[in-house]
Amino acid sequence: MLKRNPPTAPLINRYKILKPVISGLLQVALVSFGLYWLLNSGAEAMNYQWQWYRIPQYLWFVEDGEWFPAELLEGLLVTLQISAVGLICTLVIGLTTALLRMSDSIIGRGLARSYIELIRNTPLLVQIYLLYFVFGPVLGLERFTTAVLALSLFQGAYTAEIFRAGLNSIAKGQFEAGQSLGLSRTDSYRFVILPQVIRRILPPLTNEAVSLVKNSSIVSVMAIFDLTTEGRNIVADTAMPFEVWFSVAGIYLCVTLVLSGFAAWLEHRLNVPVH
């Protein structure tokens, strides 16, 4: 006979979800208040006049009764596009590299290890310069493709170690169970192994996704009109470094908080027991 959850179970589950969210919002509010006080005090000491009223025109504008994104929101869209495509490529590169490191092929293990060590021990900015100025023209890569490739290769090296740790944490009996069911190696990974791995490595994968969004700001050196580049151009035109850069930082913060919240919700859904 199936056991039914008591009436208070949904309330307890909601409390467990809402508690960290409310706690995080309170912390953000306290930090924001302290930062607001600090900035106002510094501005008064420097006799600086804040011009926050000018920021909305760089977020959106209205023409013929329709709303259109301005420079900062257009830059945000480019950043999100680079991050989304880069995240997909990062997961593919990371999983492939992890499987190569755990394979029986000496060449595969050597290539995977060399790639990880090379990427992890060189700066991302140097890798971007090499791809953009050296390999990009030779291969005929566009700036957007070069940016995605640079970020994917960089984050993929770290993601590969996360996948490898997750695969090593799976008991060998799980692999044997897939074989006993008549599943091929590919189907065993797809239906038996990877669902368990994703559930275990979701928190570190979330950190990599957040890092990917933040590292995307470095591609501004390639003259890609992402959020950081648009912010730099606005500062050059308006001489409002404080307002613009705080707005850019706030936009990045909102994106990463939404991403972290989605990952927390997904982790909760994956760990909910089936009754």
Protein backbone atom coordinates (compact mmCIF):
# COMPACT_ATOMS: atom_id res chain seq x y z
CA MET A 1 0.00 0.00 0.00
CA LEU A 2 1.39 3.39 -1.01
CA LYS A 3 2.11 5.87 1.74
CA ARG A 4 0.57 9.29 1.36
CA ASN A 5 2.41 12.40 2.32
CA PRO A 6 0.89 14.27 5.26
CA PRO A 7 -0.89 17.55 4.43
CA THR A 8 2.02 19.53 5.82
CA ALA A 9 4.54 17.94 3.42
CA PRO A 10 3.93 20.44 0.55
CA LEU A 11 4.27 23.33 2.98
CA ILE A 12 7.54 21.94 4.31
CA ASN A 13 8.89 21.49 0.78
CA ARG A 14 7.91 25.05 -0.13
CA TYR A 15 9.58 26.33 3.03
CA LYS A 16 12.79 24.50 2.14
CA ILE A 17 12.77 26.14 -1.29
CA LEU A 18 11.74 29.62 -0.17
CA LYS A 19 14.04 29.80 2.86
CA PRO A 20 17.33 30.15 0.92
CA VAL A 21 15.63 32.48 -1.57
CA ILE A 22 14.33 34.81 1.15
CA SER A 23 17.65 34.63 2.98
CA GLY A 24 19.50 35.52 -0.21
CA LEU A 25 17.16 38.45 -0.94
CA LEU A 26 17.66 39.81 2.58
CA GLN A 27 21.43 39.56 2.22
CA VAL A 28 21.29 41.32 -1.14
CA ALA A 29 19.10 44.05 0.38
CA LEU A 30 21.53 44.59 3.27
CA VAL A 31 24.54 44.67 0.96
CA SER A 32 22.73 47.04 -1.42
CA PHE A 33 21.87 49.40 1.44
CA GLY A 34 25.48 49.38 2.67
CA LEU A 35 26.77 49.95 -0.86
CA TYR A 36 24.26 52.78 -1.39
CA TRP A 37 25.42 54.50 1.78
CA LEU A 38 29.08 54.04 0.88
CA LEU A 39 28.63 55.39 -2.64
CA ASN A 40 26.69 58.43 -1.49
CA SER A 41 29.32 59.20 1.13
CA GLY A 42 32.10 58.91 -1.45
CA ALA A 43 30.23 61.04 -3.98
CA GLU A 44 29.68 63.79 -1.43
CA ALA A 45 33.37 63.71 -0.53
CA MET A 46 34.34 64.12 -4.22
CA ASN A 47 31.52 66.58 -5.00
CA TYR A 48 30.29 64.16 -7.66
CA GLN A 49 26.76 64.57 -8.94
CA TRP A 50 25.02 61.29 -9.74
CA GLN A 51 23.20 61.12 -13.06
CA TRP A 52 21.18 57.95 -12.66
CA TYR A 53 18.25 59.56 -14.48
CA ARG A 54 20.22 59.22 -17.74
CA ILE A 55 20.72 55.45 -17.48
CA PRO A 56 17.23 54.34 -18.65
CA GLN A 57 17.80 55.87 -22.09
CA TYR A 58 20.65 53.40 -22.58
CA LEU A 59 18.41 50.48 -21.60
CA TRP A 60 15.37 51.15 -23.79
CA PHE A 61 13.64 53.86 -25.77
CA VAL A 62 10.15 54.45 -27.11
CA GLU A 63 9.47 55.29 -30.74
CA ASP A 64 6.00 55.60 -32.26
CA GLY A 65 4.54 54.07 -29.11
CA GLU A 66 6.75 50.95 -29.32
CA TRP A 67 9.51 49.89 -26.93
CA PHE A 68 12.94 49.09 -28.36
CA PRO A 69 16.10 47.88 -26.60
CA ALA A 70 18.89 50.43 -26.35
CA GLU A 71 22.64 49.84 -26.21
CA LEU A 72 22.88 48.03 -22.88
CA LEU A 73 20.01 45.62 -23.57
CA GLU A 74 21.32 44.95 -27.08
CA GLY A 75 24.71 44.18 -25.57
CA LEU A 76 23.03 41.92 -23.02
CA LEU A 77 21.37 39.99 -25.84
CA VAL A 78 24.76 39.40 -27.49
CA THR A 79 26.20 38.29 -24.15
CA LEU A 80 23.34 35.84 -23.62
CA GLN A 81 23.77 34.44 -27.13
CA ILE A 82 27.50 33.89 -26.63
CA SER A 83 26.91 32.35 -23.19
CA ALA A 84 24.11 30.03 -24.35
CA VAL A 85 25.99 28.66 -27.36
CA GLY A 86 29.20 28.53 -25.35
CA LEU A 87 27.50 26.55 -22.56
CA ILE A 88 26.23 23.91 -24.98
CA CYS A 89 29.69 23.58 -26.57
CA THR A 90 31.29 23.50 -23.13
CA LEU A 91 29.15 20.57 -22.01
CA VAL A 92 29.90 18.65 -25.22
CA ILE A 93 33.66 19.32 -24.99
CA GLY A 94 33.75 18.56 -21.27
CA LEU A 95 31.88 15.26 -21.55
CA THR A 96 33.90 14.13 -24.58
CA THR A 97 37.19 14.97 -22.88
CA ALA A 98 36.15 13.18 -19.68
CA LEU A 99 35.21 10.05 -21.62
CA LEU A 100 38.54 10.16 -23.45
CA ARG A 101 40.44 10.45 -20.16
CA MET A 102 38.64 7.36 -18.87
CA SER A 103 38.97 5.38 -22.10
CA ASP A 104 41.31 2.48 -22.78
CA SER A 105 43.02 4.38 -25.59
CA ILE A 106 46.48 5.65 -24.70
CA ILE A 107 46.28 8.28 -27.46
CA GLY A 108 42.83 9.43 -26.29
CA ARG A 109 43.97 9.76 -22.68
CA GLY A 110 47.11 11.61 -23.77
CA LEU A 111 45.21 14.07 -25.95
CA ALA A 112 42.61 14.73 -23.26
CA ARG A 113 45.21 15.27 -20.55
CA SER A 114 47.34 17.52 -22.79
CA TYR A 115 44.30 19.64 -23.66
CA ILE A 116 43.29 20.04 -20.02
CA GLU A 117 46.78 20.94 -18.84
CA LEU A 118 47.36 23.37 -21.71
CA ILE A 119 44.09 25.25 -21.23
CA ARG A 120 44.15 25.31 -17.44
CA ASN A 121 47.71 26.63 -17.26
CA THR A 122 47.39 29.50 -19.77
CA PRO A 123 45.36 32.72 -19.33
CA LEU A 124 42.02 33.03 -21.08
CA LEU A 125 42.98 36.41 -22.53
CA VAL A 126 46.07 34.92 -24.21
CA GLN A 127 43.95 32.10 -25.64
CA ILE A 128 41.48 34.64 -27.07
CA TYR A 129 44.31 36.63 -28.68
CA LEU A 130 45.78 33.48 -30.22
CA LEU A 131 42.42 32.36 -31.61
CA TYR A 132 41.45 35.82 -32.84
CA PHE A 133 44.72 37.01 -34.35
CA VAL A 134 46.44 33.72 -35.31
CA PHE A 135 44.10 30.77 -35.77
CA GLY A 136 40.94 32.71 -36.59
CA PRO A 137 42.19 34.29 -39.84
CA VAL A 138 43.78 30.98 -40.92
CA LEU A 139 40.56 29.02 -40.33
CA GLY A 140 38.30 31.82 -41.54
CA LEU A 141 36.42 32.15 -38.25
CA GLU A 142 34.11 35.07 -37.54
CA ARG A 143 34.40 37.05 -34.33
CA PHE A 144 31.28 35.51 -32.79
CA THR A 145 32.47 31.98 -33.60
CA THR A 146 35.95 32.75 -32.27
CA ALA A 147 34.49 34.09 -29.03
CA VAL A 148 32.29 31.02 -28.52
CA LEU A 149 35.18 28.68 -29.34
CA ALA A 150 37.57 30.43 -26.94
CA LEU A 151 35.11 30.36 -24.06
CA SER A 152 34.07 26.77 -24.78
CA LEU A 153 37.64 25.48 -24.89
CA PHE A 154 38.52 27.32 -21.68
CA GLN A 155 35.48 26.25 -19.66
CA GLY A 156 35.47 22.78 -21.24
CA ALA A 157 38.79 21.93 -19.61
CA TYR A 158 37.37 22.55 -16.14
CA THR A 159 34.02 20.94 -16.97
CA ALA A 160 35.84 17.81 -18.14
CA GLU A 161 37.27 17.29 -14.65
CA ILE A 162 33.82 17.78 -13.16
CA PHE A 163 32.36 15.14 -15.48
CA ARG A 164 35.25 12.79 -14.74
CA ALA A 165 34.72 13.13 -11.00
CA GLY A 166 31.01 12.46 -11.46
CA LEU A 167 31.66 9.37 -13.61
CA ASN A 168 34.17 8.03 -11.10
CA SER A 169 31.59 8.40 -8.32
CA ILE A 170 29.21 5.97 -10.03
CA ALA A 171 29.50 2.43 -8.74
CA LYS A 172 30.73 -0.18 -11.22
CA GLY A 173 27.57 -2.14 -10.52
CA GLN A 174 25.61 0.49 -12.43
CA PHE A 175 27.64 -0.21 -15.56
CA GLU A 176 27.20 -3.94 -15.07
CA ALA A 177 23.45 -3.46 -14.57
CA GLY A 178 23.18 -1.71 -17.93
CA GLN A 179 25.05 -4.54 -19.64
CA SER A 180 22.87 -7.17 -17.95
CA LEU A 181 19.79 -5.44 -19.36
CA GLY A 182 21.21 -5.82 -22.84
CA LEU A 183 21.93 -2.12 -23.29
CA SER A 184 24.76 -1.01 -25.51
CA ARG A 185 27.56 1.08 -24.05
CA THR A 186 26.05 4.23 -25.51
CA ASP A 187 22.56 3.45 -24.16
CA SER A 188 24.02 2.56 -20.75
CA TYR A 189 25.59 5.98 -20.51
CA ARG A 190 22.48 7.69 -21.86
CA PHE A 191 19.81 6.03 -19.72
CA VAL A 192 21.67 4.75 -16.66
CA ILE A 193 24.95 6.58 -16.01
CA LEU A 194 24.55 10.17 -17.21
CA PRO A 195 21.23 10.88 -15.39
CA GLN A 196 22.95 9.96 -12.11
CA VAL A 197 26.07 11.94 -13.00
CA ILE A 198 24.11 15.10 -13.86
CA ARG A 199 22.26 14.91 -10.55
CA ARG A 200 25.53 14.73 -8.62
CA ILE A 201 27.53 17.35 -10.52
CA LEU A 202 24.79 19.95 -11.00
CA PRO A 203 26.15 22.38 -8.34
CA PRO A 204 29.68 22.56 -9.82
CA LEU A 205 28.21 22.73 -13.31
CA THR A 206 26.20 25.74 -12.17
CA ASN A 207 29.42 27.41 -11.04
CA GLU A 208 30.94 26.79 -14.47
CA ALA A 209 27.87 28.27 -16.16
CA VAL A 210 28.10 31.39 -13.99
CA SER A 211 31.82 31.65 -14.71
CA LEU A 212 31.06 31.36 -18.42
CA VAL A 213 28.68 34.32 -18.28
CA LYS A 214 31.22 36.42 -16.40
CA ASN A 215 34.15 35.39 -18.61
CA SER A 216 32.14 36.36 -21.69
CA SER A 217 32.96 39.98 -20.81
CA ILE A 218 36.57 39.35 -21.87
CA VAL A 219 35.52 38.85 -25.51
CA SER A 220 35.04 42.62 -25.64
CA VAL A 221 38.73 42.78 -26.64
CA MET A 222 37.63 41.30 -29.99
CA ALA A 223 35.37 44.30 -30.72
CA ILE A 224 32.23 42.23 -30.17
CA PHE A 225 29.39 44.49 -29.10
CA ASP A 226 28.50 42.61 -25.94
CA LEU A 227 27.37 44.16 -22.67
CA THR A 228 30.88 45.16 -21.58
CA THR A 229 31.76 46.74 -24.93
CA GLU A 230 28.52 48.73 -24.99
CA GLY A 231 29.20 49.92 -21.45
CA ARG A 232 32.69 51.06 -22.41
CA ASN A 233 31.34 52.95 -25.43
CA ILE A 234 28.69 54.70 -23.33
CA VAL A 235 31.29 55.73 -20.76
CA ALA A 236 33.43 57.21 -23.53
CA ASP A 237 30.47 59.22 -24.84
CA THR A 238 28.94 60.38 -21.55
CA ALA A 239 31.76 60.47 -18.99
CA MET A 240 29.53 58.61 -16.50
CA PRO A 241 31.81 55.73 -15.44
CA PHE A 242 30.21 55.12 -12.06
CA GLU A 243 26.59 54.97 -13.18
CA VAL A 244 27.31 52.93 -16.31
CA TRP A 245 29.63 50.37 -14.78
CA PHE A 246 27.40 49.86 -11.75
CA SER A 247 24.49 49.32 -14.14
CA VAL A 248 26.52 46.81 -16.16
CA ALA A 249 27.54 45.00 -12.98
CA GLY A 250 23.92 44.94 -11.82
CA ILE A 251 22.82 43.39 -15.13
CA TYR A 252 25.48 40.68 -14.87
CA LEU A 253 24.39 40.07 -11.28
CA CYS A 254 20.76 39.64 -12.29
CA VAL A 255 21.68 37.16 -15.01
CA THR A 256 23.86 35.03 -12.72
CA LEU A 257 21.27 35.11 -9.91
CA VAL A 258 18.55 33.90 -12.30
CA LEU A 259 20.88 31.16 -13.53
CA SER A 260 21.74 30.09 -9.98
CA GLY A 261 18.06 30.12 -8.99
CA PHE A 262 17.12 27.96 -11.97
CA ALA A 263 19.88 25.49 -11.11
CA ALA A 264 18.70 25.33 -7.49
CA TRP A 265 15.13 24.66 -8.64
CA LEU A 266 16.32 21.99 -11.06
CA GLU A 267 18.42 20.34 -8.37
CA HIS A 268 15.40 20.27 -6.06
CA ARG A 269 13.24 18.72 -8.79
CA LEU A 270 15.83 16.05 -9.53
CA ASN A 271 16.12 15.12 -5.86
CA VAL A 272 12.39 14.94 -5.14
CA PRO A 273 11.57 11.31 -4.24
CA VAL A 274 9.05 9.53 -6.44
CA HIS A 275 6.07 8.14 -4.48
